[in-house]
Amino acid sequence: MSEITEAEAANALPNWRVVDGGLEVDLKAKDFKAGFAFLTQLADLAEAQQHHPDFDVRYNRIHLRVSSHDVGAITDRDVKFATAADALIDAAGLERS
């Protein structure tokens, strides 16, 4: 695992924001059930990568944050997770807001 700069993270992930040493994205699902189905897939991804994001759900809105707490900086592990999450976001048809 290696640290990357905020500029490198922003370039690699144009749909995500760099906030306080982490990567964040806000999403909108069709409804609660669709959002929860996405989160179930996200949980499988997190387990497979052994890297677990923070998320907040409000009906069909999801706030997702990934960071390397143990390092205190953005790492290639965060970018790898966010890139894979982007594929799930697109497959689920979620809107980025």
N, C-alpha and C. Protein backbone atom coordinates (compact mmCIF):
# COMPACT_ATOMS: atom_id res chain seq x y z
N MET A 1 0.85 -1.17 0.00
CA MET A 1 0.00 0.00 0.00
C MET A 1 0.90 1.23 0.00
N SER A 2 0.55 2.18 -0.87
CA SER A 2 1.34 3.41 -0.91
C SER A 2 0.43 4.62 -0.92
N GLU A 3 0.90 5.69 -0.29
CA GLU A 3 0.15 6.94 -0.25
C GLU A 3 0.17 7.58 -1.63
N ILE A 4 -0.92 8.28 -1.94
CA ILE A 4 -0.98 9.06 -3.16
C ILE A 4 -1.44 10.47 -2.80
N THR A 5 -1.13 11.42 -3.64
CA THR A 5 -1.51 12.79 -3.35
C THR A 5 -3.00 13.00 -3.62
N GLU A 6 -3.54 14.06 -3.05
CA GLU A 6 -4.94 14.38 -3.29
C GLU A 6 -5.16 14.68 -4.78
N ALA A 7 -4.19 15.34 -5.43
CA ALA A 7 -4.31 15.63 -6.86
C ALA A 7 -4.34 14.35 -7.69
N GLU A 8 -3.50 13.38 -7.33
CA GLU A 8 -3.50 12.09 -8.04
C GLU A 8 -4.84 11.38 -7.86
N ALA A 9 -5.37 11.42 -6.65
CA ALA A 9 -6.66 10.79 -6.37
C ALA A 9 -7.77 11.46 -7.18
N ALA A 10 -7.76 12.79 -7.20
CA ALA A 10 -8.78 13.53 -7.95
C ALA A 10 -8.70 13.22 -9.44
N ASN A 11 -7.50 13.10 -9.97
CA ASN A 11 -7.32 12.76 -11.39
C ASN A 11 -7.81 11.35 -11.70
N ALA A 12 -7.53 10.43 -10.80
CA ALA A 12 -7.91 9.03 -11.01
C ALA A 12 -9.41 8.80 -10.86
N LEU A 13 -10.07 9.66 -10.05
CA LEU A 13 -11.48 9.44 -9.73
C LEU A 13 -12.27 10.74 -9.89
N PRO A 14 -12.57 11.13 -11.12
CA PRO A 14 -13.24 12.41 -11.34
C PRO A 14 -14.65 12.49 -10.77
N ASN A 15 -15.28 11.35 -10.49
CA ASN A 15 -16.63 11.36 -9.93
C ASN A 15 -16.65 11.42 -8.40
N TRP A 16 -15.48 11.41 -7.80
CA TRP A 16 -15.36 11.44 -6.34
C TRP A 16 -14.76 12.77 -5.91
N ARG A 17 -15.03 13.15 -4.66
CA ARG A 17 -14.41 14.35 -4.08
C ARG A 17 -13.36 13.92 -3.07
N VAL A 18 -12.30 14.69 -3.00
CA VAL A 18 -11.29 14.49 -1.97
C VAL A 18 -11.67 15.41 -0.80
N VAL A 19 -11.93 14.79 0.38
CA VAL A 19 -12.37 15.54 1.55
C VAL A 19 -11.66 15.01 2.78
N ASP A 20 -10.93 15.87 3.45
CA ASP A 20 -10.29 15.52 4.73
C ASP A 20 -9.57 14.17 4.69
N GLY A 21 -8.74 13.96 3.70
CA GLY A 21 -7.94 12.76 3.63
C GLY A 21 -8.69 11.51 3.22
N GLY A 22 -9.83 11.69 2.58
CA GLY A 22 -10.61 10.55 2.11
C GLY A 22 -11.28 10.86 0.79
N LEU A 23 -11.95 9.88 0.24
CA LEU A 23 -12.67 10.01 -1.02
C LEU A 23 -14.16 9.86 -0.74
N GLU A 24 -14.97 10.77 -1.27
CA GLU A 24 -16.40 10.76 -1.01
C GLU A 24 -17.20 10.91 -2.29
N VAL A 25 -18.38 10.30 -2.28
CA VAL A 25 -19.33 10.45 -3.38
C VAL A 25 -20.74 10.37 -2.79
N ASP A 26 -21.64 11.15 -3.37
CA ASP A 26 -23.05 11.11 -2.99
C ASP A 26 -23.84 10.48 -4.12
N LEU A 27 -24.73 9.58 -3.75
CA LEU A 27 -25.47 8.80 -4.74
C LEU A 27 -26.96 8.89 -4.50
N LYS A 28 -27.71 8.69 -5.57
CA LYS A 28 -29.17 8.63 -5.48
C LYS A 28 -29.64 7.38 -6.20
N ALA A 29 -30.38 6.54 -5.49
CA ALA A 29 -30.94 5.32 -6.06
C ALA A 29 -32.40 5.57 -6.44
N LYS A 30 -32.95 4.67 -7.21
CA LYS A 30 -34.36 4.77 -7.60
C LYS A 30 -35.27 4.79 -6.38
N ASP A 31 -34.95 3.95 -5.41
CA ASP A 31 -35.73 3.88 -4.17
C ASP A 31 -34.87 3.22 -3.10
N PHE A 32 -35.42 3.03 -1.92
CA PHE A 32 -34.67 2.46 -0.80
C PHE A 32 -34.17 1.06 -1.13
N LYS A 33 -35.03 0.26 -1.72
CA LYS A 33 -34.67 -1.13 -2.02
C LYS A 33 -33.49 -1.19 -3.00
N ALA A 34 -33.51 -0.35 -4.02
CA ALA A 34 -32.40 -0.32 -4.99
C ALA A 34 -31.11 0.13 -4.31
N GLY A 35 -31.21 1.11 -3.44
CA GLY A 35 -30.04 1.57 -2.70
C GLY A 35 -29.48 0.49 -1.81
N PHE A 36 -30.36 -0.24 -1.15
CA PHE A 36 -29.91 -1.30 -0.25
C PHE A 36 -29.29 -2.45 -1.04
N ALA A 37 -29.83 -2.74 -2.22
CA ALA A 37 -29.24 -3.79 -3.06
C ALA A 37 -27.81 -3.40 -3.45
N PHE A 38 -27.61 -2.12 -3.78
CA PHE A 38 -26.26 -1.64 -4.08
C PHE A 38 -25.35 -1.82 -2.87
N LEU A 39 -25.83 -1.47 -1.68
CA LEU A 39 -25.01 -1.59 -0.48
C LEU A 39 -24.64 -3.04 -0.18
N THR A 40 -25.51 -3.96 -0.51
CA THR A 40 -25.19 -5.38 -0.34
C THR A 40 -24.02 -5.77 -1.26
N GLN A 41 -24.05 -5.29 -2.49
CA GLN A 41 -22.93 -5.55 -3.41
C GLN A 41 -21.66 -4.85 -2.93
N LEU A 42 -21.82 -3.65 -2.39
CA LEU A 42 -20.68 -2.90 -1.86
C LEU A 42 -20.05 -3.65 -0.68
N ALA A 43 -20.89 -4.26 0.14
CA ALA A 43 -20.38 -5.04 1.28
C ALA A 43 -19.56 -6.23 0.78
N ASP A 44 -20.01 -6.88 -0.28
CA ASP A 44 -19.25 -7.99 -0.86
C ASP A 44 -17.90 -7.51 -1.38
N LEU A 45 -17.89 -6.35 -2.03
CA LEU A 45 -16.64 -5.76 -2.52
C LEU A 45 -15.71 -5.45 -1.34
N ALA A 46 -16.25 -4.85 -0.31
CA ALA A 46 -15.45 -4.48 0.87
C ALA A 46 -14.82 -5.72 1.50
N GLU A 47 -15.57 -6.78 1.61
CA GLU A 47 -15.03 -8.02 2.18
C GLU A 47 -13.95 -8.61 1.28
N ALA A 48 -14.19 -8.59 -0.02
CA ALA A 48 -13.22 -9.15 -0.96
C ALA A 48 -11.90 -8.37 -0.92
N GLN A 49 -12.00 -7.04 -0.77
CA GLN A 49 -10.78 -6.22 -0.75
C GLN A 49 -10.25 -5.98 0.66
N GLN A 50 -11.00 -6.42 1.67
CA GLN A 50 -10.63 -6.16 3.07
C GLN A 50 -10.36 -4.67 3.30
N HIS A 51 -11.27 -3.87 2.74
CA HIS A 51 -11.20 -2.41 2.89
C HIS A 51 -12.64 -1.92 2.99
N HIS A 52 -13.01 -1.38 4.13
CA HIS A 52 -14.42 -1.13 4.43
C HIS A 52 -14.73 0.37 4.47
N PRO A 53 -15.68 0.80 3.64
CA PRO A 53 -16.03 2.21 3.58
C PRO A 53 -16.99 2.60 4.70
N ASP A 54 -17.13 3.89 4.87
CA ASP A 54 -18.19 4.43 5.72
C ASP A 54 -19.32 4.83 4.78
N PHE A 55 -20.55 4.64 5.22
CA PHE A 55 -21.66 5.11 4.40
C PHE A 55 -22.81 5.53 5.30
N ASP A 56 -23.63 6.40 4.75
CA ASP A 56 -24.81 6.92 5.42
C ASP A 56 -25.97 6.81 4.43
N VAL A 57 -27.09 6.29 4.88
CA VAL A 57 -28.24 6.09 4.00
C VAL A 57 -29.42 6.90 4.53
N ARG A 58 -30.04 7.64 3.65
CA ARG A 58 -31.27 8.38 3.94
C ARG A 58 -32.24 8.08 2.81
N TYR A 59 -33.11 7.11 3.04
CA TYR A 59 -34.07 6.61 2.06
C TYR A 59 -33.34 6.17 0.79
N ASN A 60 -33.35 6.97 -0.27
CA ASN A 60 -32.71 6.56 -1.52
C ASN A 60 -31.40 7.30 -1.77
N ARG A 61 -30.90 7.98 -0.77
CA ARG A 61 -29.65 8.74 -0.89
C ARG A 61 -28.56 8.06 -0.06
N ILE A 62 -27.39 7.94 -0.67
CA ILE A 62 -26.26 7.27 -0.01
C ILE A 62 -25.05 8.18 -0.08
N HIS A 63 -24.45 8.40 1.07
CA HIS A 63 -23.17 9.11 1.12
C HIS A 63 -22.12 8.05 1.41
N LEU A 64 -21.11 7.97 0.56
CA LEU A 64 -20.08 6.94 0.66
C LEU A 64 -18.73 7.60 0.85
N ARG A 65 -17.95 7.08 1.79
CA ARG A 65 -16.60 7.61 2.06
C ARG A 65 -15.64 6.44 2.24
N VAL A 66 -14.49 6.55 1.61
CA VAL A 66 -13.44 5.55 1.78
C VAL A 66 -12.15 6.28 2.12
N SER A 67 -11.45 5.74 3.10
CA SER A 67 -10.16 6.31 3.49
C SER A 67 -9.33 5.23 4.16
N SER A 68 -8.05 5.46 4.20
CA SER A 68 -7.14 4.54 4.89
C SER A 68 -6.88 5.10 6.28
N HIS A 69 -7.76 4.76 7.22
CA HIS A 69 -7.66 5.26 8.59
C HIS A 69 -6.32 4.92 9.22
N ASP A 70 -5.83 3.74 8.91
CA ASP A 70 -4.59 3.28 9.54
C ASP A 70 -3.36 4.06 9.08
N VAL A 71 -3.46 4.71 7.91
CA VAL A 71 -2.34 5.47 7.37
C VAL A 71 -2.54 6.97 7.58
N GLY A 72 -3.79 7.39 7.63
CA GLY A 72 -4.08 8.81 7.78
C GLY A 72 -3.88 9.58 6.49
N ALA A 73 -3.99 8.90 5.36
CA ALA A 73 -3.82 9.53 4.06
C ALA A 73 -4.56 8.69 3.02
N ILE A 74 -4.71 9.25 1.84
CA ILE A 74 -5.30 8.51 0.74
C ILE A 74 -4.22 7.59 0.17
N THR A 75 -4.62 6.35 -0.09
CA THR A 75 -3.67 5.36 -0.61
C THR A 75 -4.19 4.74 -1.90
N ASP A 76 -3.31 3.98 -2.53
CA ASP A 76 -3.72 3.25 -3.72
C ASP A 76 -4.83 2.26 -3.40
N ARG A 77 -4.92 1.80 -2.16
CA ARG A 77 -6.00 0.91 -1.73
C ARG A 77 -7.35 1.62 -1.84
N ASP A 78 -7.39 2.91 -1.48
CA ASP A 78 -8.63 3.69 -1.58
C ASP A 78 -9.05 3.86 -3.03
N VAL A 79 -8.07 4.17 -3.89
CA VAL A 79 -8.35 4.36 -5.31
C VAL A 79 -8.85 3.04 -5.92
N LYS A 80 -8.22 1.94 -5.55
CA LYS A 80 -8.66 0.64 -6.06
C LYS A 80 -10.10 0.35 -5.65
N PHE A 81 -10.42 0.62 -4.38
CA PHE A 81 -11.78 0.38 -3.91
C PHE A 81 -12.77 1.29 -4.62
N ALA A 82 -12.47 2.58 -4.71
CA ALA A 82 -13.38 3.54 -5.33
C ALA A 82 -13.60 3.22 -6.81
N THR A 83 -12.55 2.78 -7.49
CA THR A 83 -12.68 2.40 -8.90
C THR A 83 -13.63 1.22 -9.06
N ALA A 84 -13.48 0.23 -8.20
CA ALA A 84 -14.39 -0.93 -8.24
C ALA A 84 -15.80 -0.52 -7.84
N ALA A 85 -15.93 0.37 -6.87
CA ALA A 85 -17.25 0.86 -6.46
C ALA A 85 -17.91 1.61 -7.60
N ASP A 86 -17.13 2.37 -8.37
CA ASP A 86 -17.68 3.07 -9.53
C ASP A 86 -18.34 2.10 -10.50
N ALA A 87 -17.73 0.96 -10.72
CA ALA A 87 -18.32 -0.04 -11.61
C ALA A 87 -19.66 -0.53 -11.06
N LEU A 88 -19.73 -0.74 -9.74
CA LEU A 88 -20.99 -1.15 -9.11
C LEU A 88 -22.03 -0.05 -9.20
N ILE A 89 -21.60 1.19 -9.00
CA ILE A 89 -22.52 2.34 -9.09
C ILE A 89 -23.13 2.40 -10.49
N ASP A 90 -22.30 2.27 -11.50
CA ASP A 90 -22.80 2.31 -12.89
C ASP A 90 -23.72 1.13 -13.17
N ALA A 91 -23.35 -0.05 -12.74
CA ALA A 91 -24.16 -1.24 -12.99
C ALA A 91 -25.53 -1.14 -12.30
N ALA A 92 -25.56 -0.50 -11.13
CA ALA A 92 -26.81 -0.34 -10.39
C ALA A 92 -27.65 0.81 -10.91
N GLY A 93 -27.08 1.61 -11.80
CA GLY A 93 -27.84 2.73 -12.36
C GLY A 93 -28.05 3.86 -11.37
N LEU A 94 -27.14 4.01 -10.40
CA LEU A 94 -27.29 5.09 -9.42
C LEU A 94 -26.81 6.41 -10.02
N GLU A 95 -27.43 7.47 -9.57
CA GLU A 95 -27.02 8.82 -9.98
C GLU A 95 -25.99 9.33 -9.00
N ARG A 96 -24.99 10.01 -9.51
CA ARG A 96 -24.04 10.71 -8.65
C ARG A 96 -24.55 12.13 -8.51
N SER A 97 -24.59 12.60 -7.27
CA SER A 97 -25.10 13.96 -7.07
C SER A 97 -24.14 14.79 -6.26
